[in-house]
Amino acid sequence: MDTTSGINTARLEEFAKLQRIENRSRAVRKLFRNKGSVVGIILLLIIFLAAIVGPYLTGYDYMEMSIDVLQAPSSKHLFGTDFYGRDTLSRTLSAAGTSILISIIATGISTILGVSLGMISGFYGKAVDRIVSGFNDVLMAVPALLLVIMTVTVFGRSRVASIGAISIAFMPGTMRLSRGQVLSIKQREFVLALKSMGISDVQILYKHIMPNVMAPVIVSATITVGFGVMIESMLSYVGLGVPIPDCSLGSLIMEGRPFAMTAWWLTTMPGLFIALIIMGFSLFGDGLRDVNDFRDLS
């Protein structure tokens, strides 16, 4: 009898595995049938490749000065040069890499912290929920940009400070989203059955509940990366971002602002990159949202 039960369980597990693979394939096909998501993916791939490889292919170091001061875009300098004769294309690509890297790391940290706290809060409820949710409400009461500026002001200008500040600003939204998902999932029959079988809370949370929670969280995180680039650029624009010699898209716009009327390319090119990055992540995130079976990818 036990042998038969074991065989049936193994078959069910194998069937579930095959079903998940089929769901993944169906979701990927649906994602690539969405024209917006395809445009977003292509746009992001181009930007990523340009940010990673581009600075080495332009032929100019982003800090290299020359006598070609404030030269308009030409075949020699595709994005023109700045007031020190530095190639704007090299500087823009290097800055884009910095801004994207900071935003991705910050979004990853905020997602990990937000999901962990949100699941614990929603699963255990009562006093734990009141404490964690109260802390989250305090953070959400402060405007995100103000929270970021306060954090960077306290800890100083650096990549680490920028990442930490953006992570703190994004964490409350992720926590609220994951908490809401757990509150609805923990009342389902399969969770109650797992509890009755004596399965530990940790196993239930991270093996059975988290895969269902991550679907909307990943969609939200994808879109959030684009807004992270915008916030990091705003920080750099007001002089609170990454310090010299590093540069970000916001610092390039800030440096080129006094020359906006005579050297339009100094602000237009970095601004265009910010817009394209946000558009790329937004289109990709919208495509993920439209994949109805996305929660079965776990």
C-alpha atoms as a PDB file:
ATOM      1  CA  MET A   1       0.000   0.000   0.000  1.00  0.00           C
ATOM      2  CA  ASP A   2       2.812   2.384   0.893  1.00  0.00           C
ATOM      3  CA  THR A   3       4.608   1.477  -2.335  1.00  0.00           C
ATOM      4  CA  THR A   4       1.553   2.304  -4.413  1.00  0.00           C
ATOM      5  CA  SER A   5       1.102   5.588  -2.572  1.00  0.00           C
ATOM      6  CA  GLY A   6       4.744   6.479  -3.211  1.00  0.00           C
ATOM      7  CA  ILE A   7       4.412   5.718  -6.916  1.00  0.00           C
ATOM      8  CA  ASN A   8       1.270   7.849  -7.171  1.00  0.00           C
ATOM      9  CA  THR A   9       2.986  10.729  -5.377  1.00  0.00           C
ATOM     10  CA  ALA A  10       5.970  10.502  -7.721  1.00  0.00           C
ATOM     11  CA  ARG A  11       3.642  10.538 -10.726  1.00  0.00           C
ATOM     12  CA  LEU A  12       1.800  13.542  -9.394  1.00  0.00           C
ATOM     13  CA  GLU A  13       5.078  15.379  -8.822  1.00  0.00           C
ATOM     14  CA  GLU A  14       6.228  14.506 -12.329  1.00  0.00           C
ATOM     15  CA  PHE A  15       2.922  15.695 -13.771  1.00  0.00           C
ATOM     16  CA  ALA A  16       3.177  18.947 -11.804  1.00  0.00           C
ATOM     17  CA  LYS A  17       6.722  19.441 -13.106  1.00  0.00           C
ATOM     18  CA  LEU A  18       5.617  18.920 -16.711  1.00  0.00           C
ATOM     19  CA  GLN A  19       2.693  21.282 -16.139  1.00  0.00           C
ATOM     20  CA  ARG A  20       5.036  24.000 -14.858  1.00  0.00           C
ATOM     21  CA  ILE A  21       7.276  23.577 -17.904  1.00  0.00           C
ATOM     22  CA  GLU A  22       4.240  23.887 -20.181  1.00  0.00           C
ATOM     23  CA  ASN A  23       3.090  26.976 -18.291  1.00  0.00           C
ATOM     24  CA  ARG A  24       6.523  28.559 -18.717  1.00  0.00           C
ATOM     25  CA  SER A  25       6.506  27.871 -22.438  1.00  0.00           C
ATOM     26  CA  ARG A  26       2.995  29.268 -22.793  1.00  0.00           C
ATOM     27  CA  ALA A  27       3.904  32.366 -20.809  1.00  0.00           C
ATOM     28  CA  VAL A  28       7.040  33.034 -22.869  1.00  0.00           C
ATOM     29  CA  ARG A  29       5.098  32.656 -26.111  1.00  0.00           C
ATOM     30  CA  LYS A  30       2.445  35.060 -24.868  1.00  0.00           C
ATOM     31  CA  LEU A  31       5.105  37.525 -23.719  1.00  0.00           C
ATOM     32  CA  PHE A  32       6.722  37.616 -27.157  1.00  0.00           C
ATOM     33  CA  ARG A  33       3.370  37.954 -28.900  1.00  0.00           C
ATOM     34  CA  ASN A  34       2.897  41.229 -27.033  1.00  0.00           C
ATOM     35  CA  LYS A  35       4.319  43.925 -29.326  1.00  0.00           C
ATOM     36  CA  GLY A  36       4.902  46.351 -26.470  1.00  0.00           C
ATOM     37  CA  SER A  37       6.938  43.871 -24.443  1.00  0.00           C
ATOM     38  CA  VAL A  38       9.010  42.937 -27.512  1.00  0.00           C
ATOM     39  CA  VAL A  39       9.796  46.608 -28.117  1.00  0.00           C
ATOM     40  CA  GLY A  40      10.710  46.965 -24.443  1.00  0.00           C
ATOM     41  CA  ILE A  41      12.990  43.910 -24.489  1.00  0.00           C
ATOM     42  CA  ILE A  42      14.775  45.047 -27.661  1.00  0.00           C
ATOM     43  CA  LEU A  43      15.156  48.564 -26.287  1.00  0.00           C
ATOM     44  CA  LEU A  44      16.603  47.303 -23.006  1.00  0.00           C
ATOM     45  CA  LEU A  45      18.992  44.923 -24.763  1.00  0.00           C
ATOM     46  CA  ILE A  46      20.315  47.765 -26.916  1.00  0.00           C
ATOM     47  CA  ILE A  47      20.723  50.043 -23.898  1.00  0.00           C
ATOM     48  CA  PHE A  48      22.418  47.337 -21.808  1.00  0.00           C
ATOM     49  CA  LEU A  49      24.846  46.431 -24.591  1.00  0.00           C
ATOM     50  CA  ALA A  50      25.579  50.096 -25.249  1.00  0.00           C
ATOM     51  CA  ALA A  51      26.175  50.777 -21.547  1.00  0.00           C
ATOM     52  CA  ILE A  52      28.435  47.729 -21.099  1.00  0.00           C
ATOM     53  CA  VAL A  53      30.352  47.612 -24.370  1.00  0.00           C
ATOM     54  CA  GLY A  54      29.803  51.093 -25.793  1.00  0.00           C
ATOM     55  CA  PRO A  55      32.390  53.001 -23.713  1.00  0.00           C
ATOM     56  CA  TYR A  56      35.093  50.675 -25.076  1.00  0.00           C
ATOM     57  CA  LEU A  57      33.998  51.069 -28.717  1.00  0.00           C
ATOM     58  CA  THR A  58      33.681  54.842 -28.966  1.00  0.00           C
ATOM     59  CA  GLY A  59      37.449  55.331 -29.007  1.00  0.00           C
ATOM     60  CA  TYR A  60      37.305  57.959 -26.239  1.00  0.00           C
ATOM     61  CA  ASP A  61      37.697  57.728 -22.505  1.00  0.00           C
ATOM     62  CA  TYR A  62      34.795  59.419 -20.736  1.00  0.00           C
ATOM     63  CA  MET A  63      37.259  61.531 -18.698  1.00  0.00           C
ATOM     64  CA  GLU A  64      39.616  62.368 -21.598  1.00  0.00           C
ATOM     65  CA  MET A  65      39.815  66.106 -22.305  1.00  0.00           C
ATOM     66  CA  SER A  66      40.620  67.703 -25.668  1.00  0.00           C
ATOM     67  CA  ILE A  67      40.706  71.045 -27.453  1.00  0.00           C
ATOM     68  CA  ASP A  68      37.407  70.225 -29.225  1.00  0.00           C
ATOM     69  CA  VAL A  69      35.354  72.188 -26.719  1.00  0.00           C
ATOM     70  CA  LEU A  70      31.555  72.309 -27.127  1.00  0.00           C
ATOM     71  CA  GLN A  71      31.636  70.718 -30.566  1.00  0.00           C
ATOM     72  CA  ALA A  72      28.212  69.880 -32.030  1.00  0.00           C
ATOM     73  CA  PRO A  73      27.398  66.245 -32.905  1.00  0.00           C
ATOM     74  CA  SER A  74      29.461  65.100 -35.893  1.00  0.00           C
ATOM     75  CA  SER A  75      31.019  61.993 -37.379  1.00  0.00           C
ATOM     76  CA  LYS A  76      33.988  62.470 -35.036  1.00  0.00           C
ATOM     77  CA  HIS A  77      31.859  62.913 -31.905  1.00  0.00           C
ATOM     78  CA  LEU A  78      28.380  61.473 -32.450  1.00  0.00           C
ATOM     79  CA  PHE A  79      26.941  63.181 -29.361  1.00  0.00           C
ATOM     80  CA  GLY A  80      29.250  66.199 -29.520  1.00  0.00           C
ATOM     81  CA  THR A  81      31.650  67.296 -26.767  1.00  0.00           C
ATOM     82  CA  ASP A  82      31.280  69.152 -23.491  1.00  0.00           C
ATOM     83  CA  PHE A  83      32.969  72.279 -22.105  1.00  0.00           C
ATOM     84  CA  TYR A  84      36.167  70.307 -21.395  1.00  0.00           C
ATOM     85  CA  GLY A  85      36.255  68.686 -24.828  1.00  0.00           C
ATOM     86  CA  ARG A  86      35.151  65.299 -23.445  1.00  0.00           C
ATOM     87  CA  ASP A  87      33.184  62.998 -25.735  1.00  0.00           C
ATOM     88  CA  THR A  88      29.509  63.206 -24.712  1.00  0.00           C
ATOM     89  CA  LEU A  89      28.656  59.767 -26.122  1.00  0.00           C
ATOM     90  CA  SER A  90      31.288  58.052 -23.963  1.00  0.00           C
ATOM     91  CA  ARG A  91      30.161  59.995 -20.921  1.00  0.00           C
ATOM     92  CA  THR A  92      26.487  59.239 -21.576  1.00  0.00           C
ATOM     93  CA  LEU A  93      27.083  55.500 -21.992  1.00  0.00           C
ATOM     94  CA  SER A  94      29.241  55.354 -18.864  1.00  0.00           C
ATOM     95  CA  ALA A  95      26.649  57.352 -16.923  1.00  0.00           C
ATOM     96  CA  ALA A  96      23.832  55.097 -18.158  1.00  0.00           C
ATOM     97  CA  GLY A  97      25.706  52.039 -16.887  1.00  0.00           C
ATOM     98  CA  THR A  98      26.156  53.662 -13.474  1.00  0.00           C
ATOM     99  CA  SER A  99      22.502  54.724 -13.191  1.00  0.00           C
ATOM    100  CA  ILE A 100      21.141  51.337 -14.306  1.00  0.00           C
ATOM    101  CA  LEU A 101      23.480  49.390 -12.014  1.00  0.00           C
ATOM    102  CA  ILE A 102      22.502  51.451  -8.969  1.00  0.00           C
ATOM    103  CA  SER A 103      18.801  51.111  -9.779  1.00  0.00           C
ATOM    104  CA  ILE A 104      18.936  47.335 -10.351  1.00  0.00           C
ATOM    105  CA  ILE A 105      20.845  46.676  -7.119  1.00  0.00           C
ATOM    106  CA  ALA A 106      18.550  48.998  -5.138  1.00  0.00           C
ATOM    107  CA  THR A 107      15.433  47.359  -6.590  1.00  0.00           C
ATOM    108  CA  GLY A 108      16.814  43.905  -5.797  1.00  0.00           C
ATOM    109  CA  ILE A 109      17.537  44.821  -2.182  1.00  0.00           C
ATOM    110  CA  SER A 110      14.159  46.498  -1.703  1.00  0.00           C
ATOM    111  CA  THR A 111      12.411  43.480  -3.235  1.00  0.00           C
ATOM    112  CA  ILE A 112      14.175  40.986  -0.955  1.00  0.00           C
ATOM    113  CA  LEU A 113      13.508  43.040   2.185  1.00  0.00           C
ATOM    114  CA  GLY A 114       9.967  44.006   1.194  1.00  0.00           C
ATOM    115  CA  VAL A 115       8.905  40.469   0.282  1.00  0.00           C
ATOM    116  CA  SER A 116      10.441  38.970   3.439  1.00  0.00           C
ATOM    117  CA  LEU A 117       8.808  41.491   5.781  1.00  0.00           C
ATOM    118  CA  GLY A 118       5.519  41.436   3.879  1.00  0.00           C
ATOM    119  CA  MET A 119       5.241  37.636   3.993  1.00  0.00           C
ATOM    120  CA  ILE A 120       6.070  37.483   7.703  1.00  0.00           C
ATOM    121  CA  SER A 121       3.606  40.260   8.470  1.00  0.00           C
ATOM    122  CA  GLY A 122       0.778  38.756   6.429  1.00  0.00           C
ATOM    123  CA  PHE A 123       1.365  35.155   7.523  1.00  0.00           C
ATOM    124  CA  TYR A 124       1.612  35.640  11.285  1.00  0.00           C
ATOM    125  CA  GLY A 125      -0.714  38.625  11.655  1.00  0.00           C
ATOM    126  CA  LYS A 126      -1.685  39.998  15.100  1.00  0.00           C
ATOM    127  CA  ALA A 127       1.159  41.725  16.975  1.00  0.00           C
ATOM    128  CA  VAL A 128       3.759  40.959  14.295  1.00  0.00           C
ATOM    129  CA  ASP A 129       1.534  42.440  11.606  1.00  0.00           C
ATOM    130  CA  ARG A 130       0.821  45.548  13.664  1.00  0.00           C
ATOM    131  CA  ILE A 131       4.503  46.232  14.316  1.00  0.00           C
ATOM    132  CA  VAL A 132       5.725  45.587  10.775  1.00  0.00           C
ATOM    133  CA  SER A 133       2.784  47.337   9.111  1.00  0.00           C
ATOM    134  CA  GLY A 134       3.142  50.311  11.450  1.00  0.00           C
ATOM    135  CA  PHE A 135       6.800  50.681  10.485  1.00  0.00           C
ATOM    136  CA  ASN A 136       5.850  50.383   6.833  1.00  0.00           C
ATOM    137  CA  ASP A 137       3.124  53.014   7.176  1.00  0.00           C
ATOM    138  CA  VAL A 138       5.628  55.455   8.672  1.00  0.00           C
ATOM    139  CA  LEU A 139       7.934  54.986   5.668  1.00  0.00           C
ATOM    140  CA  MET A 140       5.055  55.352   3.212  1.00  0.00           C
ATOM    141  CA  ALA A 141       3.928  58.573   4.891  1.00  0.00           C
ATOM    142  CA  VAL A 142       7.163  60.251   3.761  1.00  0.00           C
ATOM    143  CA  PRO A 143       7.376  61.108   0.027  1.00  0.00           C
ATOM    144  CA  ALA A 144       9.854  58.783  -1.697  1.00  0.00           C
ATOM    145  CA  LEU A 145      12.067  61.540  -3.077  1.00  0.00           C
ATOM    146  CA  LEU A 146      12.218  63.308   0.293  1.00  0.00           C
ATOM    147  CA  LEU A 147      13.108  60.019   1.984  1.00  0.00           C
ATOM    148  CA  VAL A 148      15.907  59.435  -0.520  1.00  0.00           C
ATOM    149  CA  ILE A 149      17.315  62.954  -0.086  1.00  0.00           C
ATOM    150  CA  MET A 150      17.213  62.655   3.726  1.00  0.00           C
ATOM    151  CA  THR A 151      19.034  59.311   3.649  1.00  0.00           C
ATOM    152  CA  VAL A 152      21.778  60.498   1.297  1.00  0.00           C
ATOM    153  CA  THR A 153      22.191  63.716   3.286  1.00  0.00           C
ATOM    154  CA  VAL A 154      22.791  61.700   6.456  1.00  0.00           C
ATOM    155  CA  PHE A 155      25.174  59.106   4.981  1.00  0.00           C
ATOM    156  CA  GLY A 156      26.922  61.261   2.363  1.00  0.00           C
ATOM    157  CA  ARG A 157      27.433  60.970  -1.378  1.00  0.00           C
ATOM    158  CA  SER A 158      28.458  57.532  -2.613  1.00  0.00           C
ATOM    159  CA  ARG A 159      27.142  54.653  -4.672  1.00  0.00           C
ATOM    160  CA  VAL A 160      26.364  52.710  -1.500  1.00  0.00           C
ATOM    161  CA  ALA A 161      24.386  55.624  -0.045  1.00  0.00           C
ATOM    162  CA  SER A 162      22.409  56.040  -3.275  1.00  0.00           C
ATOM    163  CA  ILE A 163      21.608  52.322  -3.389  1.00  0.00           C
ATOM    164  CA  GLY A 164      20.563  52.296   0.268  1.00  0.00           C
ATOM    165  CA  ALA A 165      18.410  55.403  -0.089  1.00  0.00           C
ATOM    166  CA  ILE A 166      16.556  54.121  -3.163  1.00  0.00           C
ATOM    167  CA  SER A 167      16.098  50.700  -1.519  1.00  0.00           C
ATOM    168  CA  ILE A 168      14.459  52.289   1.530  1.00  0.00           C
ATOM    169  CA  ALA A 169      12.176  54.348  -0.698  1.00  0.00           C
ATOM    170  CA  PHE A 170      11.011  51.341  -2.762  1.00  0.00           C
ATOM    171  CA  MET A 171      10.701  48.781   0.062  1.00  0.00           C
ATOM    172  CA  PRO A 172       7.319  49.916   1.521  1.00  0.00           C
ATOM    173  CA  GLY A 173       5.453  49.425  -1.755  1.00  0.00           C
ATOM    174  CA  THR A 174       6.883  45.932  -2.234  1.00  0.00           C
ATOM    175  CA  MET A 175       6.104  45.013   1.357  1.00  0.00           C
ATOM    176  CA  ARG A 176       2.482  46.141   1.084  1.00  0.00           C
ATOM    177  CA  LEU A 177       2.045  44.240  -2.198  1.00  0.00           C
ATOM    178  CA  SER A 178       3.504  40.978  -0.849  1.00  0.00           C
ATOM    179  CA  ARG A 179       1.584  41.272   2.443  1.00  0.00           C
ATOM    180  CA  GLY A 180      -1.695  41.603   0.552  1.00  0.00           C
ATOM    181  CA  GLN A 181      -0.914  38.542  -1.526  1.00  0.00           C
ATOM    182  CA  VAL A 182      -0.075  36.456   1.555  1.00  0.00           C
ATOM    183  CA  LEU A 183      -3.274  37.495   3.326  1.00  0.00           C
ATOM    184  CA  SER A 184      -5.326  36.060   0.465  1.00  0.00           C
ATOM    185  CA  ILE A 185      -3.194  32.964  -0.110  1.00  0.00           C
ATOM    186  CA  LYS A 186      -2.813  31.762   3.496  1.00  0.00           C
ATOM    187  CA  GLN A 187      -6.553  31.025   3.728  1.00  0.00           C
ATOM    188  CA  ARG A 188      -6.507  28.652   0.771  1.00  0.00           C
ATOM    189  CA  GLU A 189      -7.078  24.950   1.289  1.00  0.00           C
ATOM    190  CA  PHE A 190      -3.579  23.832   0.307  1.00  0.00           C
ATOM    191  CA  VAL A 191      -2.001  26.042   2.992  1.00  0.00           C
ATOM    192  CA  LEU A 192      -4.407  24.783   5.645  1.00  0.00           C
ATOM    193  CA  ALA A 193      -3.655  21.212   4.546  1.00  0.00           C
ATOM    194  CA  LEU A 194       0.089  21.804   4.837  1.00  0.00           C
ATOM    195  CA  LYS A 195      -0.365  23.162   8.362  1.00  0.00           C
ATOM    196  CA  SER A 196      -2.431  20.124   9.352  1.00  0.00           C
ATOM    197  CA  MET A 197       0.366  17.870   8.043  1.00  0.00           C
ATOM    198  CA  GLY A 198       2.832  19.528  10.428  1.00  0.00           C
ATOM    199  CA  ILE A 199       4.861  21.299   7.746  1.00  0.00           C
ATOM    200  CA  SER A 200       6.952  24.086   9.292  1.00  0.00           C
ATOM    201  CA  ASP A 201       6.021  27.728   8.783  1.00  0.00           C
ATOM    202  CA  VAL A 202       9.332  28.422   7.035  1.00  0.00           C
ATOM    203  CA  GLN A 203       8.678  25.685   4.469  1.00  0.00           C
ATOM    204  CA  ILE A 204       5.126  26.842   3.903  1.00  0.00           C
ATOM    205  CA  LEU A 205       6.195  30.456   3.461  1.00  0.00           C
ATOM    206  CA  TYR A 206       9.208  30.063   1.199  1.00  0.00           C
ATOM    207  CA  LYS A 207       8.374  26.856  -0.676  1.00  0.00           C
ATOM    208  CA  HIS A 208       4.627  27.114  -1.183  1.00  0.00           C
ATOM    209  CA  ILE A 209       3.448  30.701  -0.623  1.00  0.00           C
ATOM    210  CA  MET A 210       6.364  32.717  -1.994  1.00  0.00           C
ATOM    211  CA  PRO A 211       6.119  31.319  -5.565  1.00  0.00           C
ATOM    212  CA  ASN A 212       2.536  32.637  -5.719  1.00  0.00           C
ATOM    213  CA  VAL A 213       3.554  35.984  -4.227  1.00  0.00           C
ATOM    214  CA  MET A 214       6.451  36.598  -6.617  1.00  0.00           C
ATOM    215  CA  ALA A 215       4.366  36.934  -9.792  1.00  0.00           C
ATOM    216  CA  PRO A 216       3.037  40.463  -9.133  1.00  0.00           C
ATOM    217  CA  VAL A 217       6.198  41.399  -7.222  1.00  0.00           C
ATOM    218  CA  ILE A 218       8.442  40.685 -10.225  1.00  0.00           C
ATOM    219  CA  VAL A 219       6.170  42.713 -12.490  1.00  0.00           C
ATOM    220  CA  SER A 220       6.291  45.608 -10.034  1.00  0.00           C
ATOM    221  CA  ALA A 221      10.080  45.330  -9.624  1.00  0.00           C
ATOM    222  CA  THR A 222      10.613  45.408 -13.380  1.00  0.00           C
ATOM    223  CA  ILE A 223       8.754  48.690 -13.709  1.00  0.00           C
ATOM    224  CA  THR A 224      10.409  50.010 -10.536  1.00  0.00           C
ATOM    225  CA  VAL A 225      13.907  49.708 -12.026  1.00  0.00           C
ATOM    226  CA  GLY A 226      13.040  52.397 -14.563  1.00  0.00           C
ATOM    227  CA  PHE A 227      11.795  54.736 -11.852  1.00  0.00           C
ATOM    228  CA  GLY A 228      14.939  53.952  -9.873  1.00  0.00           C
ATOM    229  CA  VAL A 229      17.004  55.348 -12.730  1.00  0.00           C
ATOM    230  CA  MET A 230      14.859  58.487 -12.647  1.00  0.00           C
ATOM    231  CA  ILE A 231      15.279  58.939  -8.878  1.00  0.00           C
ATOM    232  CA  GLU A 232      19.021  58.320  -9.054  1.00  0.00           C
ATOM    233  CA  SER A 233      19.262  60.882 -11.851  1.00  0.00           C
ATOM    234  CA  MET A 234      17.313  63.395  -9.790  1.00  0.00           C
ATOM    235  CA  LEU A 235      19.683  62.821  -6.865  1.00  0.00           C
ATOM    236  CA  SER A 236      22.693  63.434  -9.084  1.00  0.00           C
ATOM    237  CA  TYR A 237      21.049  66.469 -10.641  1.00  0.00           C
ATOM    238  CA  VAL A 238      20.784  68.195  -7.248  1.00  0.00           C
ATOM    239  CA  GLY A 239      24.352  67.211  -6.347  1.00  0.00           C
ATOM    240  CA  LEU A 240      23.554  64.305  -3.991  1.00  0.00           C
ATOM    241  CA  GLY A 241      24.340  61.386  -6.309  1.00  0.00           C
ATOM    242  CA  VAL A 242      27.558  59.571  -7.102  1.00  0.00           C
ATOM    243  CA  PRO A 243      30.657  61.724  -6.528  1.00  0.00           C
ATOM    244  CA  ILE A 244      33.301  62.693  -9.088  1.00  0.00           C
ATOM    245  CA  PRO A 245      34.965  61.089 -11.065  1.00  0.00           C
ATOM    246  CA  ASP A 246      31.911  58.854 -11.513  1.00  0.00           C
ATOM    247  CA  CYS A 247      29.088  60.328 -13.504  1.00  0.00           C
ATOM    248  CA  SER A 248      25.413  59.510 -13.879  1.00  0.00           C
ATOM    249  CA  LEU A 249      22.770  60.687 -16.302  1.00  0.00           C
ATOM    250  CA  GLY A 250      21.493  63.246 -13.819  1.00  0.00           C
ATOM    251  CA  SER A 251      24.926  64.771 -13.218  1.00  0.00           C
ATOM    252  CA  LEU A 252      25.455  65.108 -16.987  1.00  0.00           C
ATOM    253  CA  ILE A 253      22.203  67.054 -17.298  1.00  0.00           C
ATOM    254  CA  MET A 254      23.193  69.227 -14.349  1.00  0.00           C
ATOM    255  CA  GLU A 255      26.616  69.971 -15.863  1.00  0.00           C
ATOM    256  CA  GLY A 256      25.124  70.814 -19.251  1.00  0.00           C
ATOM    257  CA  ARG A 257      22.294  72.989 -17.944  1.00  0.00           C
ATOM    258  CA  PRO A 258      24.247  76.324 -18.174  1.00  0.00           C
ATOM    259  CA  PHE A 259      24.889  75.547 -21.859  1.00  0.00           C
ATOM    260  CA  ALA A 260      21.349  74.361 -22.681  1.00  0.00           C
ATOM    261  CA  MET A 261      20.746  77.118 -25.241  1.00  0.00           C
ATOM    262  CA  THR A 262      24.107  76.938 -27.020  1.00  0.00           C
ATOM    263  CA  ALA A 263      25.026  73.247 -26.581  1.00  0.00           C
ATOM    264  CA  TRP A 264      21.669  71.463 -26.517  1.00  0.00           C
ATOM    265  CA  TRP A 265      23.239  68.017 -26.852  1.00  0.00           C
ATOM    266  CA  LEU A 266      24.721  68.143 -23.340  1.00  0.00           C
ATOM    267  CA  THR A 267      21.280  67.865 -21.746  1.00  0.00           C
ATOM    268  CA  THR A 268      19.249  66.300 -24.558  1.00  0.00           C
ATOM    269  CA  MET A 269      21.302  63.115 -24.984  1.00  0.00           C
ATOM    270  CA  PRO A 270      21.352  62.066 -21.285  1.00  0.00           C
ATOM    271  CA  GLY A 271      17.690  63.049 -20.964  1.00  0.00           C
ATOM    272  CA  LEU A 272      16.843  60.896 -23.986  1.00  0.00           C
ATOM    273  CA  PHE A 273      18.601  57.914 -22.390  1.00  0.00           C
ATOM    274  CA  ILE A 274      16.597  58.351 -19.173  1.00  0.00           C
ATOM    275  CA  ALA A 275      13.350  58.414 -21.158  1.00  0.00           C
ATOM    276  CA  LEU A 276      14.308  55.316 -23.182  1.00  0.00           C
ATOM    277  CA  ILE A 277      15.313  53.358 -20.071  1.00  0.00           C
ATOM    278  CA  ILE A 278      12.042  54.146 -18.307  1.00  0.00           C
ATOM    279  CA  MET A 279      10.076  53.324 -21.464  1.00  0.00           C
ATOM    280  CA  GLY A 280      11.908  50.019 -21.924  1.00  0.00           C
ATOM    281  CA  PHE A 281      11.285  48.791 -18.383  1.00  0.00           C
ATOM    282  CA  SER A 282       7.668  50.006 -18.424  1.00  0.00           C
ATOM    283  CA  LEU A 283       6.868  48.209 -21.691  1.00  0.00           C
ATOM    284  CA  PHE A 284       8.567  45.021 -20.475  1.00  0.00           C
ATOM    285  CA  GLY A 285       6.742  45.190 -17.144  1.00  0.00           C
ATOM    286  CA  ASP A 286       3.391  45.722 -18.872  1.00  0.00           C
ATOM    287  CA  GLY A 287       4.110  42.678 -21.010  1.00  0.00           C
ATOM    288  CA  LEU A 288       4.811  40.578 -17.919  1.00  0.00           C
ATOM    289  CA  ARG A 289       1.586  41.800 -16.336  1.00  0.00           C
ATOM    290  CA  ASP A 290      -0.371  40.603 -19.348  1.00  0.00           C
ATOM    291  CA  VAL A 291       0.999  37.072 -18.978  1.00  0.00           C
ATOM    292  CA  ASN A 292      -1.897  35.558 -17.038  1.00  0.00           C
ATOM    293  CA  ASP A 293      -0.038  32.358 -16.172  1.00  0.00           C
ATOM    294  CA  PHE A 294       3.029  34.177 -14.851  1.00  0.00           C
ATOM    295  CA  ARG A 295       2.529  32.875 -11.311  1.00  0.00           C
ATOM    296  CA  ASP A 296       3.070  29.336 -12.621  1.00  0.00           C
ATOM    297  CA  LEU A 297       6.652  30.129 -13.605  1.00  0.00           C
ATOM    298  CA  SER A 298       7.960  29.390 -10.105  1.00  0.00           C
END
